[in-house]
Amino acid sequence: MKNFRVLGVAAALFVLSLLTGFTAQAQSTSGKGTLNDINFLEGRWEGTFNGGPIHASWTAPAGDNIAGFIRMMKDGKATLYEIFAFEQTENGPVAMVKHFRPGLISVEEKEQSDRYKFIEAKKNQALFELEGGQTRIIYEKRGDNQLVIQRGKQEGGKWSFVDLFVFNRIK
């Protein structure tokens, strides 16, 4: 009877170790990212850029997407609109950005948008790379009320980033 208990405990530990190993493997292979890695974008934000106000807004993740926009202005007039769609794919989130001049005149061709693939995420920070690899973007929440978008390029074989947009939360 004692041997059966020992075997039972050993079998249970074996099954538990298999399950734990499977879970650890699943976690390590799911490093492709999800929309939850960028849910810190949610909300309304404002800042300044090129001498005028800039406003941004992103929705919470819903289904397989997050939607958002940025509006840039100068002297009380729109200078540029950016429409964002973050969509979940099997390889992680993809950021698609389309730019419009006033009058909703598309900067990109009709069927084109800038596409950024997810690289990695940390707490309140996510890194994306433009298709073609010349540009990287970091979305970073700095504290409860500040959101920064940084643009990076390679210099001397290393990525160098500068703050592109600095936003404060609109309450």
C-alpha atoms as a PDB file:
ATOM      1  CA  MET A   1       0.000   0.000   0.000  1.00  0.00           C
ATOM      2  CA  LYS A   2       2.860   2.344   0.860  1.00  0.00           C
ATOM      3  CA  ASN A   3       4.482   1.638  -2.535  1.00  0.00           C
ATOM      4  CA  PHE A   4       1.251   2.586  -4.314  1.00  0.00           C
ATOM      5  CA  ARG A   5       1.197   5.905  -2.467  1.00  0.00           C
ATOM      6  CA  VAL A   6       4.825   6.583  -3.380  1.00  0.00           C
ATOM      7  CA  LEU A   7       4.103   5.646  -7.004  1.00  0.00           C
ATOM      8  CA  GLY A   8       0.977   7.813  -6.936  1.00  0.00           C
ATOM      9  CA  VAL A   9       2.913  10.786  -5.588  1.00  0.00           C
ATOM     10  CA  ALA A  10       5.713  10.171  -8.086  1.00  0.00           C
ATOM     11  CA  ALA A  11       3.200   9.953 -10.961  1.00  0.00           C
ATOM     12  CA  ALA A  12       1.482  13.147  -9.786  1.00  0.00           C
ATOM     13  CA  LEU A  13       4.831  14.953  -9.582  1.00  0.00           C
ATOM     14  CA  PHE A  14       5.750  13.684 -13.045  1.00  0.00           C
ATOM     15  CA  VAL A  15       2.460  14.922 -14.530  1.00  0.00           C
ATOM     16  CA  LEU A  16       2.860  18.245 -12.695  1.00  0.00           C
ATOM     17  CA  SER A  17       6.394  18.634 -14.054  1.00  0.00           C
ATOM     18  CA  LEU A  18       5.128  17.919 -17.575  1.00  0.00           C
ATOM     19  CA  LEU A  19       2.377  20.511 -17.194  1.00  0.00           C
ATOM     20  CA  THR A  20       4.790  23.055 -15.720  1.00  0.00           C
ATOM     21  CA  GLY A  21       7.270  22.432 -18.520  1.00  0.00           C
ATOM     22  CA  PHE A  22       4.502  22.805 -21.105  1.00  0.00           C
ATOM     23  CA  THR A  23       3.351  26.076 -19.538  1.00  0.00           C
ATOM     24  CA  ALA A  24       6.903  27.438 -19.401  1.00  0.00           C
ATOM     25  CA  GLN A  25       7.438  26.455 -23.023  1.00  0.00           C
ATOM     26  CA  ALA A  26       4.163  28.076 -24.047  1.00  0.00           C
ATOM     27  CA  GLN A  27       5.147  31.293 -22.253  1.00  0.00           C
ATOM     28  CA  SER A  28       8.578  31.406 -23.863  1.00  0.00           C
ATOM     29  CA  THR A  29       7.201  30.853 -27.379  1.00  0.00           C
ATOM     30  CA  SER A  30       4.419  33.387 -26.933  1.00  0.00           C
ATOM     31  CA  GLY A  31       6.980  36.209 -26.781  1.00  0.00           C
ATOM     32  CA  LYS A  32       5.490  37.517 -30.023  1.00  0.00           C
ATOM     33  CA  GLY A  33       3.394  39.968 -28.070  1.00  0.00           C
ATOM     34  CA  THR A  34      -0.269  40.803 -27.763  1.00  0.00           C
ATOM     35  CA  LEU A  35      -2.376  43.925 -27.762  1.00  0.00           C
ATOM     36  CA  ASN A  36      -2.172  43.849 -23.963  1.00  0.00           C
ATOM     37  CA  ASP A  37       1.508  44.815 -24.355  1.00  0.00           C
ATOM     38  CA  ILE A  38       0.368  48.192 -25.702  1.00  0.00           C
ATOM     39  CA  ASN A  39      -2.843  48.741 -23.746  1.00  0.00           C
ATOM     40  CA  PHE A  40      -1.076  51.581 -21.892  1.00  0.00           C
ATOM     41  CA  LEU A  41      -1.728  53.738 -24.982  1.00  0.00           C
ATOM     42  CA  GLU A  42      -5.421  53.941 -24.106  1.00  0.00           C
ATOM     43  CA  GLY A  43      -6.713  57.418 -23.430  1.00  0.00           C
ATOM     44  CA  ARG A  44      -6.542  60.998 -24.641  1.00  0.00           C
ATOM     45  CA  TRP A  45      -3.184  62.772 -24.808  1.00  0.00           C
ATOM     46  CA  GLU A  46      -1.868  66.226 -25.754  1.00  0.00           C
ATOM     47  CA  GLY A  47       1.498  67.859 -26.348  1.00  0.00           C
ATOM     48  CA  THR A  48       3.277  70.257 -28.683  1.00  0.00           C
ATOM     49  CA  PHE A  49       5.086  69.592 -31.948  1.00  0.00           C
ATOM     50  CA  ASN A  50       6.570  71.993 -34.518  1.00  0.00           C
ATOM     51  CA  GLY A  51       5.228  74.999 -32.643  1.00  0.00           C
ATOM     52  CA  GLY A  52       1.644  73.809 -32.382  1.00  0.00           C
ATOM     53  CA  PRO A  53      -0.572  71.499 -30.367  1.00  0.00           C
ATOM     54  CA  ILE A  54      -0.712  67.784 -31.022  1.00  0.00           C
ATOM     55  CA  HIS A  55      -3.518  65.536 -29.775  1.00  0.00           C
ATOM     56  CA  ALA A  56      -3.687  61.761 -29.686  1.00  0.00           C
ATOM     57  CA  SER A  57      -6.281  59.229 -28.672  1.00  0.00           C
ATOM     58  CA  TRP A  58      -6.253  55.437 -28.544  1.00  0.00           C
ATOM     59  CA  THR A  59      -8.986  52.972 -27.689  1.00  0.00           C
ATOM     60  CA  ALA A  60      -8.639  50.063 -25.308  1.00  0.00           C
ATOM     61  CA  PRO A  61      -7.928  46.697 -26.924  1.00  0.00           C
ATOM     62  CA  ALA A  62     -11.160  45.143 -28.235  1.00  0.00           C
ATOM     63  CA  GLY A  63     -11.240  41.948 -30.234  1.00  0.00           C
ATOM     64  CA  ASP A  64      -8.146  41.880 -32.396  1.00  0.00           C
ATOM     65  CA  ASN A  65      -7.433  45.625 -32.557  1.00  0.00           C
ATOM     66  CA  ILE A  66      -6.685  49.020 -31.052  1.00  0.00           C
ATOM     67  CA  ALA A  67      -7.590  52.147 -33.039  1.00  0.00           C
ATOM     68  CA  GLY A  68      -6.202  55.620 -32.631  1.00  0.00           C
ATOM     69  CA  PHE A  69      -5.353  58.937 -34.194  1.00  0.00           C
ATOM     70  CA  ILE A  70      -2.994  61.878 -33.897  1.00  0.00           C
ATOM     71  CA  ARG A  71      -3.918  65.409 -34.977  1.00  0.00           C
ATOM     72  CA  MET A  72      -1.184  68.011 -35.487  1.00  0.00           C
ATOM     73  CA  MET A  73      -2.044  71.710 -35.693  1.00  0.00           C
ATOM     74  CA  LYS A  74      -0.336  75.057 -36.152  1.00  0.00           C
ATOM     75  CA  ASP A  75      -1.893  78.528 -35.976  1.00  0.00           C
ATOM     76  CA  GLY A  76      -5.303  76.971 -35.300  1.00  0.00           C
ATOM     77  CA  LYS A  77      -5.258  74.822 -38.445  1.00  0.00           C
ATOM     78  CA  ALA A  78      -4.665  71.119 -38.994  1.00  0.00           C
ATOM     79  CA  THR A  79      -1.307  70.272 -40.548  1.00  0.00           C
ATOM     80  CA  LEU A  80      -1.433  66.462 -40.469  1.00  0.00           C
ATOM     81  CA  TYR A  81      -3.623  63.591 -39.303  1.00  0.00           C
ATOM     82  CA  GLU A  82      -2.320  60.104 -38.514  1.00  0.00           C
ATOM     83  CA  ILE A  83      -4.747  57.196 -38.267  1.00  0.00           C
ATOM     84  CA  PHE A  84      -3.527  54.114 -36.389  1.00  0.00           C
ATOM     85  CA  ALA A  85      -4.721  50.531 -36.372  1.00  0.00           C
ATOM     86  CA  PHE A  86      -2.917  48.011 -34.205  1.00  0.00           C
ATOM     87  CA  GLU A  87      -4.074  44.536 -35.224  1.00  0.00           C
ATOM     88  CA  GLN A  88      -3.223  41.264 -33.542  1.00  0.00           C
ATOM     89  CA  THR A  89      -1.634  38.697 -35.869  1.00  0.00           C
ATOM     90  CA  GLU A  90      -0.157  35.268 -35.204  1.00  0.00           C
ATOM     91  CA  ASN A  91       3.267  36.987 -35.120  1.00  0.00           C
ATOM     92  CA  GLY A  92       2.197  39.645 -32.628  1.00  0.00           C
ATOM     93  CA  PRO A  93       0.673  43.091 -33.030  1.00  0.00           C
ATOM     94  CA  VAL A  94       1.192  44.989 -36.269  1.00  0.00           C
ATOM     95  CA  ALA A  95       0.942  48.775 -36.248  1.00  0.00           C
ATOM     96  CA  MET A  96      -0.461  50.330 -39.393  1.00  0.00           C
ATOM     97  CA  VAL A  97      -0.294  54.098 -39.813  1.00  0.00           C
ATOM     98  CA  LYS A  98      -1.780  56.204 -42.570  1.00  0.00           C
ATOM     99  CA  HIS A  99      -1.086  59.931 -42.894  1.00  0.00           C
ATOM    100  CA  PHE A 100      -3.444  62.584 -44.234  1.00  0.00           C
ATOM    101  CA  ARG A 101      -3.015  66.264 -45.018  1.00  0.00           C
ATOM    102  CA  PRO A 102      -5.890  68.678 -44.351  1.00  0.00           C
ATOM    103  CA  GLY A 103      -8.908  67.774 -46.458  1.00  0.00           C
ATOM    104  CA  LEU A 104      -8.110  64.092 -45.752  1.00  0.00           C
ATOM    105  CA  ILE A 105      -5.671  63.989 -48.660  1.00  0.00           C
ATOM    106  CA  SER A 106      -3.739  60.751 -48.249  1.00  0.00           C
ATOM    107  CA  VAL A 107       0.042  60.994 -48.074  1.00  0.00           C
ATOM    108  CA  GLU A 108       0.483  57.294 -48.875  1.00  0.00           C
ATOM    109  CA  GLU A 109      -0.983  55.617 -51.936  1.00  0.00           C
ATOM    110  CA  LYS A 110      -4.639  54.604 -51.627  1.00  0.00           C
ATOM    111  CA  GLU A 111      -4.007  50.956 -50.631  1.00  0.00           C
ATOM    112  CA  GLN A 112      -0.774  51.617 -48.710  1.00  0.00           C
ATOM    113  CA  SER A 113       0.073  52.380 -45.087  1.00  0.00           C
ATOM    114  CA  ASP A 114       3.238  52.363 -43.024  1.00  0.00           C
ATOM    115  CA  ARG A 115       3.441  48.931 -41.351  1.00  0.00           C
ATOM    116  CA  TYR A 116       5.426  48.276 -38.202  1.00  0.00           C
ATOM    117  CA  LYS A 117       6.026  44.800 -36.798  1.00  0.00           C
ATOM    118  CA  PHE A 118       6.192  44.158 -33.072  1.00  0.00           C
ATOM    119  CA  ILE A 119       9.738  43.496 -31.787  1.00  0.00           C
ATOM    120  CA  GLU A 120       9.425  43.345 -27.994  1.00  0.00           C
ATOM    121  CA  ALA A 121       7.703  44.805 -24.955  1.00  0.00           C
ATOM    122  CA  LYS A 122       8.553  45.675 -21.383  1.00  0.00           C
ATOM    123  CA  LYS A 123       6.277  47.115 -18.740  1.00  0.00           C
ATOM    124  CA  ASN A 124       4.718  50.278 -20.247  1.00  0.00           C
ATOM    125  CA  GLN A 125       6.975  50.124 -23.302  1.00  0.00           C
ATOM    126  CA  ALA A 126       6.753  48.485 -26.733  1.00  0.00           C
ATOM    127  CA  LEU A 127       9.161  48.454 -29.663  1.00  0.00           C
ATOM    128  CA  PHE A 128       8.063  48.252 -33.313  1.00  0.00           C
ATOM    129  CA  GLU A 129      10.067  48.242 -36.551  1.00  0.00           C
ATOM    130  CA  LEU A 130       9.004  49.689 -39.905  1.00  0.00           C
ATOM    131  CA  GLU A 131       8.865  47.113 -42.707  1.00  0.00           C
ATOM    132  CA  GLY A 132      12.223  47.394 -44.395  1.00  0.00           C
ATOM    133  CA  GLY A 133      13.973  47.940 -41.063  1.00  0.00           C
ATOM    134  CA  GLN A 134      15.155  51.547 -41.423  1.00  0.00           C
ATOM    135  CA  THR A 135      13.098  52.957 -38.543  1.00  0.00           C
ATOM    136  CA  ARG A 136      12.043  51.776 -35.116  1.00  0.00           C
ATOM    137  CA  ILE A 137       9.388  53.291 -32.872  1.00  0.00           C
ATOM    138  CA  ILE A 138       9.160  53.000 -29.089  1.00  0.00           C
ATOM    139  CA  TYR A 139       5.840  53.708 -27.389  1.00  0.00           C
ATOM    140  CA  GLU A 140       6.530  54.392 -23.724  1.00  0.00           C
ATOM    141  CA  LYS A 141       4.325  55.404 -20.839  1.00  0.00           C
ATOM    142  CA  ARG A 142       6.427  57.419 -18.388  1.00  0.00           C
ATOM    143  CA  GLY A 143       4.441  57.614 -15.192  1.00  0.00           C
ATOM    144  CA  ASP A 144       0.668  57.773 -14.993  1.00  0.00           C
ATOM    145  CA  ASN A 145       0.228  60.894 -17.096  1.00  0.00           C
ATOM    146  CA  GLN A 146       2.948  60.972 -19.748  1.00  0.00           C
ATOM    147  CA  LEU A 147       3.221  59.071 -23.029  1.00  0.00           C
ATOM    148  CA  VAL A 148       6.252  59.360 -25.303  1.00  0.00           C
ATOM    149  CA  ILE A 149       6.760  58.150 -28.856  1.00  0.00           C
ATOM    150  CA  GLN A 150      10.427  57.802 -29.772  1.00  0.00           C
ATOM    151  CA  ARG A 151      11.844  57.350 -33.264  1.00  0.00           C
ATOM    152  CA  GLY A 152      15.039  55.381 -33.754  1.00  0.00           C
ATOM    153  CA  LYS A 153      17.550  54.895 -36.519  1.00  0.00           C
ATOM    154  CA  GLN A 154      20.786  52.981 -36.776  1.00  0.00           C
ATOM    155  CA  GLU A 155      23.969  54.912 -36.149  1.00  0.00           C
ATOM    156  CA  GLY A 156      27.277  53.089 -36.101  1.00  0.00           C
ATOM    157  CA  GLY A 157      25.576  49.702 -35.908  1.00  0.00           C
ATOM    158  CA  LYS A 158      23.463  50.670 -32.875  1.00  0.00           C
ATOM    159  CA  TRP A 159      19.913  51.998 -32.587  1.00  0.00           C
ATOM    160  CA  SER A 160      19.695  55.607 -31.438  1.00  0.00           C
ATOM    161  CA  PHE A 161      16.317  56.956 -30.258  1.00  0.00           C
ATOM    162  CA  VAL A 162      15.017  60.483 -29.774  1.00  0.00           C
ATOM    163  CA  ASP A 163      11.716  61.646 -28.335  1.00  0.00           C
ATOM    164  CA  LEU A 164       9.462  62.473 -31.274  1.00  0.00           C
ATOM    165  CA  PHE A 165       6.195  63.215 -29.441  1.00  0.00           C
ATOM    166  CA  VAL A 166       5.771  63.859 -25.711  1.00  0.00           C
ATOM    167  CA  PHE A 167       2.145  63.746 -24.546  1.00  0.00           C
ATOM    168  CA  ASN A 168       0.419  64.478 -21.248  1.00  0.00           C
ATOM    169  CA  ARG A 169      -2.839  62.772 -20.349  1.00  0.00           C
ATOM    170  CA  ILE A 170      -5.994  64.831 -20.859  1.00  0.00           C
ATOM    171  CA  LYS A 171      -8.252  64.388 -17.832  1.00  0.00           C
END
